[in-house]
Amino acid sequence: MMVNGKKVVMVMPAYNAASTLKKTIDELPPDVVDEILLVDDCSRDDTVAQAETLGIKTVVHACNTGYGGNQKTCYRTALEMGADVVVMVHPDYQYTPRIISAMVSPIANGVFDCMLGSRILGTGALKGGMPLYKFVANRCLTIFQNILVGYHLSEYHTGYRAFSRELLENLPVDANSDDFVFDNQMLCQIIYAGYDIGEVTCPTRYMDDSSSISFARSVRYGLGVLRCSMETLLHRLGWKESDFLKGITRR
């Protein structure tokens, strides 16, 4: 099933995803993914039982480690499984696996090192029900991030991502936060290291059973994003060393 001879592992960072897991898996196209890994972050529902029923390889955290902590286990375990390409799909059915081929193929064919499923390209975000305040915050933060980080992406906040093995092996992802700002720190690491990022248009779905953080946590996340971007700028200029960028060899 390999894509261009590359083993593809789909990782799913899960927390209370029992009601949406099967719907997500049902949209996965055949002959793209070689193995699926679900990492359960101490869910309070029967996510693990659902995963086992579906035949998904599952790792269960003994205590809740946070969104970033979950991803660290996802990537570490996927590499141990021999993955050449790792694609992250949230099991809450917010992002469709139907476009997973478009996410994986550019990496398997050596075009990009990282792929992002962008909700902002096209009309996917608002059409899919993204709250207006989140859309506005996304646009404002992305403008500042592109300026501070020195790159140009349509958004930095999508949870639909794919990476090459080389990228995951060379980045110090364990130095990143265990919270939601992990995603932005990792993108800043990728950009600082000189890896190439591609984007594809991704429809999204905001429903009651899709995970979402509160307004208060969204504000905290936004402040963390700005701090992360500023740290990247200062590190790039050589004015102040950043802990999560320290030791990265630029390509």
C-alpha atoms as a PDB file:
ATOM      1  CA  MET A   1       0.000   0.000   0.000  1.00  0.00           C
ATOM      2  CA  MET A   2       3.023   2.294   0.274  1.00  0.00           C
ATOM      3  CA  VAL A   3       2.990   5.670  -1.510  1.00  0.00           C
ATOM      4  CA  ASN A   4       6.042   5.838  -3.782  1.00  0.00           C
ATOM      5  CA  GLY A   5       7.642   3.128  -1.667  1.00  0.00           C
ATOM      6  CA  LYS A   6       7.195   5.125   1.548  1.00  0.00           C
ATOM      7  CA  LYS A   7       5.427   3.742   4.604  1.00  0.00           C
ATOM      8  CA  VAL A   8       2.601   6.044   5.719  1.00  0.00           C
ATOM      9  CA  VAL A   9       1.412   6.032   9.323  1.00  0.00           C
ATOM     10  CA  MET A  10      -1.666   8.030  10.316  1.00  0.00           C
ATOM     11  CA  VAL A  11      -1.592   9.223  13.924  1.00  0.00           C
ATOM     12  CA  MET A  12      -4.645  10.302  15.895  1.00  0.00           C
ATOM     13  CA  PRO A  13      -4.210  12.274  19.146  1.00  0.00           C
ATOM     14  CA  ALA A  14      -7.408  11.370  20.966  1.00  0.00           C
ATOM     15  CA  TYR A  15      -9.331  12.660  23.957  1.00  0.00           C
ATOM     16  CA  ASN A  16     -12.990  11.684  24.423  1.00  0.00           C
ATOM     17  CA  ALA A  17     -13.410  10.832  20.740  1.00  0.00           C
ATOM     18  CA  ALA A  18     -15.655   7.779  21.066  1.00  0.00           C
ATOM     19  CA  SER A  19     -18.630   9.374  19.291  1.00  0.00           C
ATOM     20  CA  THR A  20     -16.651  10.532  16.240  1.00  0.00           C
ATOM     21  CA  LEU A  21     -13.825   8.022  15.812  1.00  0.00           C
ATOM     22  CA  LYS A  22     -15.666   5.593  13.538  1.00  0.00           C
ATOM     23  CA  LYS A  23     -17.058   8.423  11.369  1.00  0.00           C
ATOM     24  CA  THR A  24     -13.510   9.690  10.896  1.00  0.00           C
ATOM     25  CA  ILE A  25     -12.119   6.266  10.027  1.00  0.00           C
ATOM     26  CA  ASP A  26     -15.004   5.582   7.626  1.00  0.00           C
ATOM     27  CA  GLU A  27     -13.856   8.507   5.445  1.00  0.00           C
ATOM     28  CA  LEU A  28     -10.296   7.203   5.143  1.00  0.00           C
ATOM     29  CA  PRO A  29      -9.634   6.265   1.494  1.00  0.00           C
ATOM     30  CA  PRO A  30      -8.170   2.808   0.830  1.00  0.00           C
ATOM     31  CA  ASP A  31      -4.593   2.136  -0.208  1.00  0.00           C
ATOM     32  CA  VAL A  32      -3.019   5.300   1.229  1.00  0.00           C
ATOM     33  CA  VAL A  33      -2.277   4.595   4.889  1.00  0.00           C
ATOM     34  CA  ASP A  34      -0.230   1.552   5.899  1.00  0.00           C
ATOM     35  CA  GLU A  35      -0.920   1.728   9.641  1.00  0.00           C
ATOM     36  CA  ILE A  36      -3.063   3.759  12.017  1.00  0.00           C
ATOM     37  CA  LEU A  37      -1.995   4.749  15.519  1.00  0.00           C
ATOM     38  CA  LEU A  38      -4.300   6.267  18.134  1.00  0.00           C
ATOM     39  CA  VAL A  39      -2.832   7.791  21.294  1.00  0.00           C
ATOM     40  CA  ASP A  40      -5.469   8.178  23.986  1.00  0.00           C
ATOM     41  CA  ASP A  41      -4.810  10.972  26.469  1.00  0.00           C
ATOM     42  CA  CYS A  42      -6.672   9.452  29.426  1.00  0.00           C
ATOM     43  CA  SER A  43     -10.154   9.789  27.916  1.00  0.00           C
ATOM     44  CA  ARG A  44     -13.203   9.595  30.168  1.00  0.00           C
ATOM     45  CA  ASP A  45     -15.319   7.803  27.557  1.00  0.00           C
ATOM     46  CA  ASP A  46     -14.827   4.532  25.670  1.00  0.00           C
ATOM     47  CA  THR A  47     -12.453   5.882  22.999  1.00  0.00           C
ATOM     48  CA  VAL A  48      -9.982   3.060  23.649  1.00  0.00           C
ATOM     49  CA  ALA A  49     -12.647   0.359  23.349  1.00  0.00           C
ATOM     50  CA  GLN A  50     -13.865   1.913  20.093  1.00  0.00           C
ATOM     51  CA  ALA A  51     -10.324   1.994  18.706  1.00  0.00           C
ATOM     52  CA  GLU A  52      -9.719  -1.623  19.626  1.00  0.00           C
ATOM     53  CA  THR A  53     -13.024  -2.642  18.005  1.00  0.00           C
ATOM     54  CA  LEU A  54     -11.877  -0.925  14.816  1.00  0.00           C
ATOM     55  CA  GLY A  55      -8.537  -2.746  14.961  1.00  0.00           C
ATOM     56  CA  ILE A  56      -6.497   0.416  15.502  1.00  0.00           C
ATOM     57  CA  LYS A  57      -3.132   0.193  17.246  1.00  0.00           C
ATOM     58  CA  THR A  58      -3.589   2.114  20.497  1.00  0.00           C
ATOM     59  CA  VAL A  59      -1.285   3.676  23.064  1.00  0.00           C
ATOM     60  CA  VAL A  60      -2.945   4.818  26.294  1.00  0.00           C
ATOM     61  CA  HIS A  61      -1.521   7.523  28.548  1.00  0.00           C
ATOM     62  CA  ALA A  62      -1.813   6.796  32.261  1.00  0.00           C
ATOM     63  CA  CYS A  63      -2.566  10.485  32.893  1.00  0.00           C
ATOM     64  CA  ASN A  64      -3.552  13.425  30.730  1.00  0.00           C
ATOM     65  CA  THR A  65      -0.468  14.976  29.142  1.00  0.00           C
ATOM     66  CA  GLY A  66      -2.136  17.677  27.061  1.00  0.00           C
ATOM     67  CA  TYR A  67      -2.493  18.130  23.300  1.00  0.00           C
ATOM     68  CA  GLY A  68       1.210  18.706  22.745  1.00  0.00           C
ATOM     69  CA  GLY A  69       2.196  15.851  25.014  1.00  0.00           C
ATOM     70  CA  ASN A  70      -0.108  13.561  23.070  1.00  0.00           C
ATOM     71  CA  GLN A  71       1.514  14.532  19.773  1.00  0.00           C
ATOM     72  CA  LYS A  72       4.966  13.818  21.141  1.00  0.00           C
ATOM     73  CA  THR A  73       3.902  10.231  21.819  1.00  0.00           C
ATOM     74  CA  CYS A  74       2.237  10.054  18.374  1.00  0.00           C
ATOM     75  CA  TYR A  75       5.381  11.010  16.478  1.00  0.00           C
ATOM     76  CA  ARG A  76       7.809   9.043  18.613  1.00  0.00           C
ATOM     77  CA  THR A  77       5.724   5.878  18.296  1.00  0.00           C
ATOM     78  CA  ALA A  78       5.128   6.345  14.557  1.00  0.00           C
ATOM     79  CA  LEU A  79       8.877   6.545  13.961  1.00  0.00           C
ATOM     80  CA  GLU A  80       9.341   3.381  16.018  1.00  0.00           C
ATOM     81  CA  MET A  81       6.771   1.760  13.714  1.00  0.00           C
ATOM     82  CA  GLY A  82       9.007   2.568  10.737  1.00  0.00           C
ATOM     83  CA  ALA A  83       7.014   5.458   9.274  1.00  0.00           C
ATOM     84  CA  ASP A  84       8.504   7.381   6.350  1.00  0.00           C
ATOM     85  CA  VAL A  85       5.562   9.799   6.293  1.00  0.00           C
ATOM     86  CA  VAL A  86       3.419  10.658   9.319  1.00  0.00           C
ATOM     87  CA  VAL A  87       0.046  12.338   8.887  1.00  0.00           C
ATOM     88  CA  MET A  88      -1.952  13.605  11.851  1.00  0.00           C
ATOM     89  CA  VAL A  89      -5.747  13.424  11.655  1.00  0.00           C
ATOM     90  CA  HIS A  90      -7.880  14.453  14.623  1.00  0.00           C
ATOM     91  CA  PRO A  91     -10.404  11.735  15.527  1.00  0.00           C
ATOM     92  CA  ASP A  92     -13.078  14.333  16.362  1.00  0.00           C
ATOM     93  CA  TYR A  93     -14.221  14.436  12.709  1.00  0.00           C
ATOM     94  CA  GLN A  94     -13.347  18.114  12.302  1.00  0.00           C
ATOM     95  CA  TYR A  95     -10.986  17.424   9.368  1.00  0.00           C
ATOM     96  CA  THR A  96     -11.879  14.903   6.682  1.00  0.00           C
ATOM     97  CA  PRO A  97      -9.441  12.078   5.891  1.00  0.00           C
ATOM     98  CA  ARG A  98     -10.770  12.109   2.317  1.00  0.00           C
ATOM     99  CA  ILE A  99      -7.946  14.441   1.217  1.00  0.00           C
ATOM    100  CA  ILE A 100      -5.221  12.452   2.922  1.00  0.00           C
ATOM    101  CA  SER A 101      -3.700  11.475  -0.443  1.00  0.00           C
ATOM    102  CA  ALA A 102      -3.099  15.153  -1.196  1.00  0.00           C
ATOM    103  CA  MET A 103      -1.434  15.534   2.196  1.00  0.00           C
ATOM    104  CA  VAL A 104       0.840  12.511   1.873  1.00  0.00           C
ATOM    105  CA  SER A 105       1.817  12.405  -1.807  1.00  0.00           C
ATOM    106  CA  PRO A 106       3.936  15.612  -1.942  1.00  0.00           C
ATOM    107  CA  ILE A 107       6.031  14.348   0.969  1.00  0.00           C
ATOM    108  CA  ALA A 108       6.359  10.789  -0.329  1.00  0.00           C
ATOM    109  CA  ASN A 109       7.496  12.195  -3.680  1.00  0.00           C
ATOM    110  CA  GLY A 110      10.041  14.577  -2.157  1.00  0.00           C
ATOM    111  CA  VAL A 111       8.264  17.818  -3.093  1.00  0.00           C
ATOM    112  CA  PHE A 112       7.667  19.078   0.460  1.00  0.00           C
ATOM    113  CA  ASP A 113       8.851  18.094   3.939  1.00  0.00           C
ATOM    114  CA  CYS A 114       5.615  19.176   5.639  1.00  0.00           C
ATOM    115  CA  MET A 115       2.034  19.532   4.428  1.00  0.00           C
ATOM    116  CA  LEU A 116      -0.768  21.503   6.062  1.00  0.00           C
ATOM    117  CA  GLY A 117      -4.497  21.181   5.461  1.00  0.00           C
ATOM    118  CA  SER A 118      -5.563  24.819   5.391  1.00  0.00           C
ATOM    119  CA  ARG A 119      -9.082  25.857   6.369  1.00  0.00           C
ATOM    120  CA  ILE A 120      -8.425  29.392   5.142  1.00  0.00           C
ATOM    121  CA  LEU A 121      -7.587  28.651   1.512  1.00  0.00           C
ATOM    122  CA  GLY A 122     -10.954  28.752  -0.242  1.00  0.00           C
ATOM    123  CA  THR A 123     -14.079  29.059   1.918  1.00  0.00           C
ATOM    124  CA  GLY A 124     -13.721  26.020   4.172  1.00  0.00           C
ATOM    125  CA  ALA A 125     -13.521  27.747   7.545  1.00  0.00           C
ATOM    126  CA  LEU A 126     -16.673  29.849   7.803  1.00  0.00           C
ATOM    127  CA  LYS A 127     -18.634  27.511   5.543  1.00  0.00           C
ATOM    128  CA  GLY A 128     -17.784  24.659   7.900  1.00  0.00           C
ATOM    129  CA  GLY A 129     -19.028  26.593  10.919  1.00  0.00           C
ATOM    130  CA  MET A 130     -15.872  28.128  12.375  1.00  0.00           C
ATOM    131  CA  PRO A 131     -17.003  30.777  14.916  1.00  0.00           C
ATOM    132  CA  LEU A 132     -16.450  34.276  13.565  1.00  0.00           C
ATOM    133  CA  TYR A 133     -14.233  35.332  16.489  1.00  0.00           C
ATOM    134  CA  LYS A 134     -11.964  32.350  15.825  1.00  0.00           C
ATOM    135  CA  PHE A 135     -11.796  33.176  12.127  1.00  0.00           C
ATOM    136  CA  VAL A 136     -10.867  36.807  12.826  1.00  0.00           C
ATOM    137  CA  ALA A 137      -8.286  35.761  15.437  1.00  0.00           C
ATOM    138  CA  ASN A 138      -6.833  33.223  12.994  1.00  0.00           C
ATOM    139  CA  ARG A 139      -6.407  35.864  10.301  1.00  0.00           C
ATOM    140  CA  CYS A 140      -4.897  38.463  12.628  1.00  0.00           C
ATOM    141  CA  LEU A 141      -2.496  36.042  14.284  1.00  0.00           C
ATOM    142  CA  THR A 142      -1.395  34.639  10.926  1.00  0.00           C
ATOM    143  CA  ILE A 143      -0.573  38.114   9.598  1.00  0.00           C
ATOM    144  CA  PHE A 144       1.628  38.825  12.616  1.00  0.00           C
ATOM    145  CA  GLN A 145       3.206  35.380  12.474  1.00  0.00           C
ATOM    146  CA  ASN A 146       4.139  35.676   8.811  1.00  0.00           C
ATOM    147  CA  ILE A 147       5.858  38.984   9.562  1.00  0.00           C
ATOM    148  CA  LEU A 148       7.668  37.827  12.695  1.00  0.00           C
ATOM    149  CA  VAL A 149       8.628  34.338  11.521  1.00  0.00           C
ATOM    150  CA  GLY A 150       9.600  35.433   8.012  1.00  0.00           C
ATOM    151  CA  TYR A 151       7.453  32.964   6.079  1.00  0.00           C
ATOM    152  CA  HIS A 152       4.104  33.014   4.302  1.00  0.00           C
ATOM    153  CA  LEU A 153       1.368  30.562   5.224  1.00  0.00           C
ATOM    154  CA  SER A 154      -2.386  30.920   4.873  1.00  0.00           C
ATOM    155  CA  GLU A 155      -2.728  29.770   8.502  1.00  0.00           C
ATOM    156  CA  TYR A 156      -0.581  28.408  11.341  1.00  0.00           C
ATOM    157  CA  HIS A 157      -3.420  26.918  13.369  1.00  0.00           C
ATOM    158  CA  THR A 158      -4.689  23.910  11.464  1.00  0.00           C
ATOM    159  CA  GLY A 159      -4.491  20.556  13.204  1.00  0.00           C
ATOM    160  CA  TYR A 160      -4.272  18.640   9.905  1.00  0.00           C
ATOM    161  CA  ARG A 161      -0.558  18.067   9.260  1.00  0.00           C
ATOM    162  CA  ALA A 162       1.859  15.637   7.624  1.00  0.00           C
ATOM    163  CA  PHE A 163       5.616  15.298   8.039  1.00  0.00           C
ATOM    164  CA  SER A 164       8.565  13.441   6.576  1.00  0.00           C
ATOM    165  CA  ARG A 165      10.568  11.069   8.727  1.00  0.00           C
ATOM    166  CA  GLU A 166      13.696  13.198   8.298  1.00  0.00           C
ATOM    167  CA  LEU A 167      11.909  16.267   9.630  1.00  0.00           C
ATOM    168  CA  LEU A 168      10.588  14.475  12.715  1.00  0.00           C
ATOM    169  CA  GLU A 169      13.971  12.916  13.447  1.00  0.00           C
ATOM    170  CA  ASN A 170      15.824  16.225  13.197  1.00  0.00           C
ATOM    171  CA  LEU A 171      13.536  18.552  15.141  1.00  0.00           C
ATOM    172  CA  PRO A 172      13.624  18.777  18.972  1.00  0.00           C
ATOM    173  CA  VAL A 173       9.851  18.352  19.329  1.00  0.00           C
ATOM    174  CA  ASP A 174      10.245  17.232  22.953  1.00  0.00           C
ATOM    175  CA  ALA A 175      11.407  20.784  23.761  1.00  0.00           C
ATOM    176  CA  ASN A 176       7.963  22.097  22.833  1.00  0.00           C
ATOM    177  CA  SER A 177       5.015  22.788  25.122  1.00  0.00           C
ATOM    178  CA  ASP A 178       2.600  20.026  26.128  1.00  0.00           C
ATOM    179  CA  ASP A 179      -0.286  22.452  25.530  1.00  0.00           C
ATOM    180  CA  PHE A 180      -1.931  23.737  22.330  1.00  0.00           C
ATOM    181  CA  VAL A 181       0.915  26.132  21.464  1.00  0.00           C
ATOM    182  CA  PHE A 182       2.924  22.994  20.591  1.00  0.00           C
ATOM    183  CA  ASP A 183       1.584  23.250  17.029  1.00  0.00           C
ATOM    184  CA  ASN A 184       2.978  26.734  16.530  1.00  0.00           C
ATOM    185  CA  GLN A 185       6.309  25.957  18.137  1.00  0.00           C
ATOM    186  CA  MET A 186       6.696  23.000  15.807  1.00  0.00           C
ATOM    187  CA  LEU A 187       5.927  25.120  12.728  1.00  0.00           C
ATOM    188  CA  CYS A 188       8.459  27.703  13.889  1.00  0.00           C
ATOM    189  CA  GLN A 189      11.031  24.922  14.258  1.00  0.00           C
ATOM    190  CA  ILE A 190      10.253  23.669  10.750  1.00  0.00           C
ATOM    191  CA  ILE A 191      10.564  27.141   9.236  1.00  0.00           C
ATOM    192  CA  TYR A 192      13.714  28.014  11.187  1.00  0.00           C
ATOM    193  CA  ALA A 193      15.345  24.716  10.152  1.00  0.00           C
ATOM    194  CA  GLY A 194      14.645  25.487   6.488  1.00  0.00           C
ATOM    195  CA  TYR A 195      12.205  22.713   5.630  1.00  0.00           C
ATOM    196  CA  ASP A 196       9.679  23.285   2.846  1.00  0.00           C
ATOM    197  CA  ILE A 197       5.971  23.514   3.696  1.00  0.00           C
ATOM    198  CA  GLY A 198       3.071  22.963   1.322  1.00  0.00           C
ATOM    199  CA  GLU A 199      -0.631  23.666   1.862  1.00  0.00           C
ATOM    200  CA  VAL A 200      -3.827  22.168   0.471  1.00  0.00           C
ATOM    201  CA  THR A 201      -7.379  23.428   0.837  1.00  0.00           C
ATOM    202  CA  CYS A 202      -9.202  21.528   3.558  1.00  0.00           C
ATOM    203  CA  PRO A 203     -12.906  21.657   4.385  1.00  0.00           C
ATOM    204  CA  THR A 204     -13.640  21.645   8.082  1.00  0.00           C
ATOM    205  CA  ARG A 205     -16.555  20.807  10.319  1.00  0.00           C
ATOM    206  CA  TYR A 206     -17.543  22.530  13.569  1.00  0.00           C
ATOM    207  CA  MET A 207     -20.265  20.600  15.392  1.00  0.00           C
ATOM    208  CA  ASP A 208     -21.198  19.850  18.987  1.00  0.00           C
ATOM    209  CA  ASP A 209     -19.180  16.639  18.973  1.00  0.00           C
ATOM    210  CA  SER A 210     -16.050  18.314  17.560  1.00  0.00           C
ATOM    211  CA  SER A 211     -13.442  19.298  20.124  1.00  0.00           C
ATOM    212  CA  SER A 212     -12.930  22.987  20.748  1.00  0.00           C
ATOM    213  CA  ILE A 213     -11.194  25.055  23.385  1.00  0.00           C
ATOM    214  CA  SER A 214     -12.986  27.701  25.432  1.00  0.00           C
ATOM    215  CA  PHE A 215     -12.748  31.432  24.793  1.00  0.00           C
ATOM    216  CA  ALA A 216     -10.429  31.859  27.797  1.00  0.00           C
ATOM    217  CA  ARG A 217      -8.096  29.136  26.573  1.00  0.00           C
ATOM    218  CA  SER A 218      -8.264  30.625  23.078  1.00  0.00           C
ATOM    219  CA  VAL A 219      -6.983  33.930  24.479  1.00  0.00           C
ATOM    220  CA  ARG A 220      -4.186  32.144  26.315  1.00  0.00           C
ATOM    221  CA  TYR A 221      -3.363  30.253  23.142  1.00  0.00           C
ATOM    222  CA  GLY A 222      -3.241  33.492  21.130  1.00  0.00           C
ATOM    223  CA  LEU A 223      -0.839  35.093  23.579  1.00  0.00           C
ATOM    224  CA  GLY A 224       1.305  31.960  23.469  1.00  0.00           C
ATOM    225  CA  VAL A 225       1.356  32.117  19.667  1.00  0.00           C
ATOM    226  CA  LEU A 226       2.567  35.725  19.696  1.00  0.00           C
ATOM    227  CA  ARG A 227       5.255  34.874  22.232  1.00  0.00           C
ATOM    228  CA  CYS A 228       6.361  31.888  20.170  1.00  0.00           C
ATOM    229  CA  SER A 229       6.635  34.011  17.014  1.00  0.00           C
ATOM    230  CA  MET A 230       8.529  36.768  18.831  1.00  0.00           C
ATOM    231  CA  GLU A 231      10.950  34.224  20.299  1.00  0.00           C
ATOM    232  CA  THR A 232      11.558  32.905  16.783  1.00  0.00           C
ATOM    233  CA  LEU A 233      12.326  36.388  15.484  1.00  0.00           C
ATOM    234  CA  LEU A 234      14.732  37.176  18.323  1.00  0.00           C
ATOM    235  CA  HIS A 235      16.428  33.784  17.953  1.00  0.00           C
ATOM    236  CA  ARG A 236      16.773  34.225  14.182  1.00  0.00           C
ATOM    237  CA  LEU A 237      18.339  37.658  14.685  1.00  0.00           C
ATOM    238  CA  GLY A 238      20.727  36.246  17.302  1.00  0.00           C
ATOM    239  CA  TRP A 239      19.415  38.569  20.013  1.00  0.00           C
ATOM    240  CA  LYS A 240      18.014  35.970  22.418  1.00  0.00           C
ATOM    241  CA  GLU A 241      18.244  32.191  22.322  1.00  0.00           C
ATOM    242  CA  SER A 242      14.966  30.290  22.372  1.00  0.00           C
ATOM    243  CA  ASP A 243      14.710  27.010  24.284  1.00  0.00           C
ATOM    244  CA  PHE A 244      12.575  25.293  21.636  1.00  0.00           C
ATOM    245  CA  LEU A 245      14.825  26.409  18.742  1.00  0.00           C
ATOM    246  CA  LYS A 246      18.100  25.696  20.495  1.00  0.00           C
ATOM    247  CA  GLY A 247      20.330  23.141  18.785  1.00  0.00           C
ATOM    248  CA  ILE A 248      18.502  23.118  15.441  1.00  0.00           C
ATOM    249  CA  THR A 249      20.860  22.880  12.473  1.00  0.00           C
ATOM    250  CA  ARG A 250      19.598  25.010   9.607  1.00  0.00           C
ATOM    251  CA  ARG A 251      19.546  23.457   6.135  1.00  0.00           C
END
